C-alpha atoms as a PDB file:
ATOM      1  CA  MET A   1      57.908  97.181 103.865  1.00  0.00           C
ATOM      2  CA  SER A   2      61.176  95.280 103.707  1.00  0.00           C
ATOM      3  CA  ARG A   3      62.356  94.244 107.152  1.00  0.00           C
ATOM      4  CA  ILE A   4      65.983  94.578 106.084  1.00  0.00           C
ATOM      5  CA  GLY A   5      65.478  97.914 104.334  1.00  0.00           C
ATOM      6  CA  ARG A   6      63.387  99.316 107.183  1.00  0.00           C
ATOM      7  CA  ARG A   7      66.195  98.717 109.684  1.00  0.00           C
ATOM      8  CA  GLU A   8      68.067 101.849 110.766  1.00  0.00           C
ATOM      9  CA  ILE A   9      71.841 101.650 110.384  1.00  0.00           C
ATOM     10  CA  VAL A  10      73.769 103.257 113.234  1.00  0.00           C
ATOM     11  CA  ILE A  11      77.035 104.872 112.152  1.00  0.00           C
ATOM     12  CA  PRO A  12      79.824 103.894 114.597  1.00  0.00           C
ATOM     13  CA  ASP A  13      82.531 106.293 115.800  1.00  0.00           C
ATOM     14  CA  LYS A  14      85.517 106.639 113.443  1.00  0.00           C
ATOM     15  CA  VAL A  15      83.227 106.013 110.431  1.00  0.00           C
ATOM     16  CA  ASN A  16      82.270 108.863 108.109  1.00  0.00           C
ATOM     17  CA  VAL A  17      79.275 108.460 105.758  1.00  0.00           C
ATOM     18  CA  TYR A  18      78.180 111.009 103.175  1.00  0.00           C
ATOM     19  CA  LEU A  19      76.253 111.273  99.920  1.00  0.00           C
ATOM     20  CA  GLN A  20      78.019 112.409  96.762  1.00  0.00           C
ATOM     21  CA  GLY A  21      75.373 112.882  94.078  1.00  0.00           C
ATOM     22  CA  LYS A  22      73.711 109.463  93.594  1.00  0.00           C
ATOM     23  CA  LYS A  23      76.547 107.681  95.377  1.00  0.00           C
ATOM     24  CA  ILE A  24      77.004 106.828  99.050  1.00  0.00           C
ATOM     25  CA  VAL A  25      80.573 106.948 100.380  1.00  0.00           C
ATOM     26  CA  VAL A  26      81.608 105.197 103.609  1.00  0.00           C
ATOM     27  CA  GLU A  27      85.074 105.912 105.064  1.00  0.00           C
ATOM     28  CA  GLY A  28      86.579 104.226 108.094  1.00  0.00           C
ATOM     29  CA  PRO A  29      89.789 102.916 109.626  1.00  0.00           C
ATOM     30  CA  LEU A  30      89.923  99.959 107.187  1.00  0.00           C
ATOM     31  CA  GLY A  31      89.328 101.901 103.978  1.00  0.00           C
ATOM     32  CA  LYS A  32      86.811 103.692 101.794  1.00  0.00           C
ATOM     33  CA  LEU A  33      83.864 102.085  99.975  1.00  0.00           C
ATOM     34  CA  GLU A  34      81.477 103.627  97.439  1.00  0.00           C
ATOM     35  CA  GLN A  35      78.121 102.413  96.118  1.00  0.00           C
ATOM     36  CA  GLU A  36      75.880 103.843  93.409  1.00  0.00           C
ATOM     37  CA  ILE A  37      72.292 104.322  94.620  1.00  0.00           C
ATOM     38  CA  HIS A  38      69.485 103.122  92.315  1.00  0.00           C
ATOM     39  CA  HIS A  39      66.930 105.736  91.261  1.00  0.00           C
ATOM     40  CA  LEU A  40      64.074 103.828  92.981  1.00  0.00           C
ATOM     41  CA  VAL A  41      65.767 104.158  96.403  1.00  0.00           C
ATOM     42  CA  ASP A  42      66.538 107.179  98.606  1.00  0.00           C
ATOM     43  CA  VAL A  43      69.163 107.275 101.364  1.00  0.00           C
ATOM     44  CA  GLU A  44      68.943 109.727 104.281  1.00  0.00           C
ATOM     45  CA  ILE A  45      71.752 110.409 106.760  1.00  0.00           C
ATOM     46  CA  GLU A  46      70.949 112.326 109.946  1.00  0.00           C
ATOM     47  CA  ASN A  47      72.102 112.240 113.587  1.00  0.00           C
ATOM     48  CA  GLY A  48      74.423 109.274 113.053  1.00  0.00           C
ATOM     49  CA  ILE A  49      71.701 107.081 111.536  1.00  0.00           C
ATOM     50  CA  ILE A  50      71.260 105.948 107.922  1.00  0.00           C
ATOM     51  CA  ARG A  51      67.738 105.280 106.624  1.00  0.00           C
ATOM     52  CA  VAL A  52      66.939 103.661 103.288  1.00  0.00           C
ATOM     53  CA  LYS A  53      63.562 104.530 101.741  1.00  0.00           C
ATOM     54  CA  ARG A  54      61.935 103.492  98.494  1.00  0.00           C
ATOM     55  CA  LYS A  55      60.222 105.913  96.141  1.00  0.00           C
ATOM     56  CA  SER A  56      57.409 103.599  94.971  1.00  0.00           C
ATOM     57  CA  ASP A  57      55.803 100.313  95.982  1.00  0.00           C
ATOM     58  CA  THR A  58      56.611  98.271  92.878  1.00  0.00           C
ATOM     59  CA  LYS A  59      58.110  94.805  93.229  1.00  0.00           C
ATOM     60  CA  SER A  60      61.525  95.951  91.978  1.00  0.00           C
ATOM     61  CA  ALA A  61      61.529  98.944  94.357  1.00  0.00           C
ATOM     62  CA  ARG A  62      60.691  96.661  97.299  1.00  0.00           C
ATOM     63  CA  SER A  63      63.520  94.270  96.452  1.00  0.00           C
ATOM     64  CA  LEU A  64      65.995  97.133  95.917  1.00  0.00           C
ATOM     65  CA  HIS A  65      64.950  98.600  99.279  1.00  0.00           C
ATOM     66  CA  GLY A  66      66.157  95.500 101.118  1.00  0.00           C
ATOM     67  CA  LEU A  67      69.213  95.117  98.876  1.00  0.00           C
ATOM     68  CA  TYR A  68      70.517  98.628  99.515  1.00  0.00           C
ATOM     69  CA  GLY A  69      69.806  98.308 103.240  1.00  0.00           C
ATOM     70  CA  ALA A  70      72.005  95.190 103.342  1.00  0.00           C
ATOM     71  CA  LEU A  71      74.709  96.685 101.074  1.00  0.00           C
ATOM     72  CA  ILE A  72      75.054  99.834 103.192  1.00  0.00           C
ATOM     73  CA  LEU A  73      75.082  97.816 106.431  1.00  0.00           C
ATOM     74  CA  ASN A  74      77.886  95.635 104.983  1.00  0.00           C
ATOM     75  CA  MET A  75      79.813  98.741 103.902  1.00  0.00           C
ATOM     76  CA  VAL A  76      79.625 100.255 107.403  1.00  0.00           C
ATOM     77  CA  LYS A  77      80.609  96.954 109.027  1.00  0.00           C
ATOM     78  CA  GLY A  78      83.397  96.434 106.478  1.00  0.00           C
ATOM     79  CA  VAL A  79      85.180  99.755 107.024  1.00  0.00           C
ATOM     80  CA  SER A  80      84.879  99.485 110.815  1.00  0.00           C
ATOM     81  CA  GLU A  81      85.453  95.747 111.544  1.00  0.00           C
ATOM     82  CA  GLY A  82      86.256  94.118 108.194  1.00  0.00           C
ATOM     83  CA  PHE A  83      85.334  90.704 106.805  1.00  0.00           C
ATOM     84  CA  LYS A  84      87.343  87.519 106.552  1.00  0.00           C
ATOM     85  CA  LYS A  85      87.068  84.037 105.084  1.00  0.00           C
ATOM     86  CA  VAL A  86      89.309  81.178 106.155  1.00  0.00           C
ATOM     87  CA  LEU A  87      90.189  78.326 103.799  1.00  0.00           C
ATOM     88  CA  VAL A  88      92.009  75.126 104.762  1.00  0.00           C
ATOM     89  CA  ILE A  89      94.024  72.955 102.365  1.00  0.00           C
ATOM     90  CA  TYR A  90      93.958  69.169 102.805  1.00  0.00           C
ATOM     91  CA  GLY A  91      95.968  66.711 100.741  1.00  0.00           C
ATOM     92  CA  ILE A  92      99.364  65.081 100.619  1.00  0.00           C
ATOM     93  CA  GLY A  93     101.888  67.580  99.240  1.00  0.00           C
ATOM     94  CA  TYR A  94      99.325  70.405  99.058  1.00  0.00           C
ATOM     95  CA  LYS A  95     100.556  73.745 100.390  1.00  0.00           C
ATOM     96  CA  ALA A  96     100.252  77.515 100.064  1.00  0.00           C
ATOM     97  CA  VAL A  97     102.988  80.171 100.213  1.00  0.00           C
ATOM     98  CA  MET A  98     102.762  83.969  99.996  1.00  0.00           C
ATOM     99  CA  GLU A  99     105.246  85.659  97.650  1.00  0.00           C
ATOM    100  CA  GLY A 100     104.718  89.380  98.232  1.00  0.00           C
ATOM    101  CA  LYS A 101     101.061  90.069  97.328  1.00  0.00           C
ATOM    102  CA  ARG A 102     100.846  86.858  95.304  1.00  0.00           C
ATOM    103  CA  LEU A 103      99.540  83.520  96.610  1.00  0.00           C
ATOM    104  CA  ASN A 104     101.423  80.456  95.334  1.00  0.00           C
ATOM    105  CA  LEU A 105      99.373  77.246  95.575  1.00  0.00           C
ATOM    106  CA  SER A 106     100.582  73.686  95.036  1.00  0.00           C
ATOM    107  CA  VAL A 107      97.359  71.672  94.892  1.00  0.00           C
ATOM    108  CA  GLY A 108      98.024  68.612  92.786  1.00  0.00           C
ATOM    109  CA  TYR A 109      98.780  70.148  89.397  1.00  0.00           C
ATOM    110  CA  SER A 110     102.058  69.672  87.526  1.00  0.00           C
ATOM    111  CA  HIS A 111     102.713  73.396  87.967  1.00  0.00           C
ATOM    112  CA  PRO A 112     102.210  75.912  90.791  1.00  0.00           C
ATOM    113  CA  THR A 113      99.138  78.139  90.598  1.00  0.00           C
ATOM    114  CA  PHE A 114      99.329  81.859  91.391  1.00  0.00           C
ATOM    115  CA  ILE A 115      96.587  84.218  92.575  1.00  0.00           C
ATOM    116  CA  ASP A 116      97.226  87.954  92.877  1.00  0.00           C
ATOM    117  CA  ALA A 117      95.536  89.752  95.775  1.00  0.00           C
ATOM    118  CA  PRO A 118      93.331  92.581  94.435  1.00  0.00           C
ATOM    119  CA  GLU A 119      93.611  96.060  95.907  1.00  0.00           C
ATOM    120  CA  GLY A 120      91.953  96.273  99.322  1.00  0.00           C
ATOM    121  CA  ILE A 121      92.182  92.511  99.943  1.00  0.00           C
ATOM    122  CA  ASP A 122      94.757  90.969 102.271  1.00  0.00           C
ATOM    123  CA  ILE A 123      95.732  87.300 101.968  1.00  0.00           C
ATOM    124  CA  LYS A 124      97.725  85.558 104.717  1.00  0.00           C
ATOM    125  CA  VAL A 125      98.964  81.972 104.949  1.00  0.00           C
ATOM    126  CA  GLU A 126      99.290  80.247 108.327  1.00  0.00           C
ATOM    127  CA  ASP A 127     101.228  76.950 108.648  1.00  0.00           C
ATOM    128  CA  GLY A 128     101.194  76.444 104.866  1.00  0.00           C
ATOM    129  CA  ARG A 129      97.665  74.994 105.067  1.00  0.00           C
ATOM    130  CA  LYS A 130      95.408  77.791 106.324  1.00  0.00           C
ATOM    131  CA  ILE A 131      94.610  80.751 104.042  1.00  0.00           C
ATOM    132  CA  VAL A 132      92.955  83.859 105.529  1.00  0.00           C
ATOM    133  CA  VAL A 133      91.337  86.286 103.062  1.00  0.00           C
ATOM    134  CA  SER A 134      90.331  89.607 104.661  1.00  0.00           C
ATOM    135  CA  GLY A 135      89.247  93.075 103.621  1.00  0.00           C
ATOM    136  CA  ALA A 136      86.600  95.778 103.935  1.00  0.00           C
ATOM    137  CA  ASP A 137      84.525  94.793 100.867  1.00  0.00           C
ATOM    138  CA  LYS A 138      82.438  91.708 101.714  1.00  0.00           C
ATOM    139  CA  GLN A 139      81.721  90.838  98.085  1.00  0.00           C
ATOM    140  CA  MET A 140      85.378  91.026  97.045  1.00  0.00           C
ATOM    141  CA  VAL A 141      86.494  88.900 100.030  1.00  0.00           C
ATOM    142  CA  GLY A 142      83.959  86.239  99.051  1.00  0.00           C
ATOM    143  CA  GLU A 143      84.961  86.357  95.369  1.00  0.00           C
ATOM    144  CA  VAL A 144      88.679  85.913  96.115  1.00  0.00           C
ATOM    145  CA  ALA A 145      87.965  83.058  98.562  1.00  0.00           C
ATOM    146  CA  ALA A 146      85.728  81.343  95.980  1.00  0.00           C
ATOM    147  CA  LYS A 147      88.405  81.786  93.303  1.00  0.00           C
ATOM    148  CA  ILE A 148      90.976  80.085  95.564  1.00  0.00           C
ATOM    149  CA  ARG A 149      88.564  77.249  96.470  1.00  0.00           C
ATOM    150  CA  LYS A 150      87.679  76.703  92.801  1.00  0.00           C
ATOM    151  CA  LEU A 151      91.280  75.675  92.027  1.00  0.00           C
ATOM    152  CA  HIS A 152      90.759  72.343  93.813  1.00  0.00           C
ATOM    153  CA  PRO A 153      87.266  71.957  95.342  1.00  0.00           C
ATOM    154  CA  PRO A 154      86.766  69.329  98.066  1.00  0.00           C
ATOM    155  CA  GLU A 155      86.563  65.740  96.830  1.00  0.00           C
ATOM    156  CA  PRO A 156      83.317  64.079  97.937  1.00  0.00           C
ATOM    157  CA  TYR A 157      84.538  60.468  97.605  1.00  0.00           C
ATOM    158  CA  ILE A 158      85.812  58.425 100.535  1.00  0.00           C
ATOM    159  CA  ARG A 159      89.547  57.813 100.169  1.00  0.00           C
ATOM    160  CA  LYS A 160      91.830  55.490 102.118  1.00  0.00           C
ATOM    161  CA  PRO A 161      95.138  57.343 102.722  1.00  0.00           C
ATOM    162  CA  GLU A 162      93.533  60.690 103.510  1.00  0.00           C
ATOM    163  CA  PRO A 163      89.765  61.111 103.912  1.00  0.00           C
ATOM    164  CA  ARG A 164      89.758  64.797 102.902  1.00  0.00           C
ATOM    165  CA  LYS A 165      91.359  66.294  99.830  1.00  0.00           C
ATOM    166  CA  GLY A 166      91.034  69.766  98.326  1.00  0.00           C
ATOM    167  CA  ILE A 167      90.473  73.340  99.487  1.00  0.00           C
ATOM    168  CA  PHE A 168      87.707  73.736 102.077  1.00  0.00           C
ATOM    169  CA  TYR A 169      86.127  76.699 103.834  1.00  0.00           C
ATOM    170  CA  GLU A 170      87.034  76.409 107.523  1.00  0.00           C
ATOM    171  CA  ASP A 171      83.508  75.560 108.696  1.00  0.00           C
ATOM    172  CA  GLU A 172      82.488  73.577 105.579  1.00  0.00           C
ATOM    173  CA  ARG A 173      81.202  70.012 105.853  1.00  0.00           C
ATOM    174  CA  VAL A 174      81.299  67.957 102.655  1.00  0.00           C
ATOM    175  CA  ARG A 175      78.862  65.103 102.316  1.00  0.00           C
ATOM    176  CA  LEU A 176      80.966  62.067 101.475  1.00  0.00           C
ATOM    177  CA  LYS A 177      79.961  59.558  98.791  1.00  0.00           C
ATOM    178  CA  VAL A 178      80.911  55.931  98.338  1.00  0.00           C
ATOM    179  CA  GLY A 179      82.905  55.234  95.167  1.00  0.00           C
ATOM    180  CA  LYS A 180      82.149  52.644  92.467  1.00  0.00           C
ATOM    181  CA  SER A 181      83.858  49.791  94.316  1.00  0.00           C
ATOM    182  CA  GLY A 182      81.811  50.370  97.479  1.00  0.00           C
ATOM    183  CA  ALA A 183      78.394  50.227  95.795  1.00  0.00           C
END
């Protein structure tokens, strides 16, 4: 049995979980999330505990068992605590500014780049260099953070004026390479 799927998920106070047909709905202080349930998986809710069970022992059912256990756990954690990713911009003249719900990035292009915050996702800029992406949906937070990072990924080559250049995750370490002249 899947160790992740076998785990019981405790529903915290202020969080409401219910089944609506073949869909699980999780409501909490930070929002409402819904997830379709695959036909090879059953979800039971009783006494403040969610249990995920599989209907058969096929390979796909076993993998879906663990997947839905993790998805539901992330939904419960998301509506109660939320998720966040922090990105840091390095580079001379690189900066970020919020204009309403739109992120304006100047990261070395001849024009500014704009990213609109999707519904349910909050983007904040601190000191013009630190971008905080937060929300209840873990997947959406990760997608928006990856979309921002993709605009100017970290440069792996050692540079003289500034050793780091690009958009980094806060805890990311980039393995530096020596350029052509250093080889």
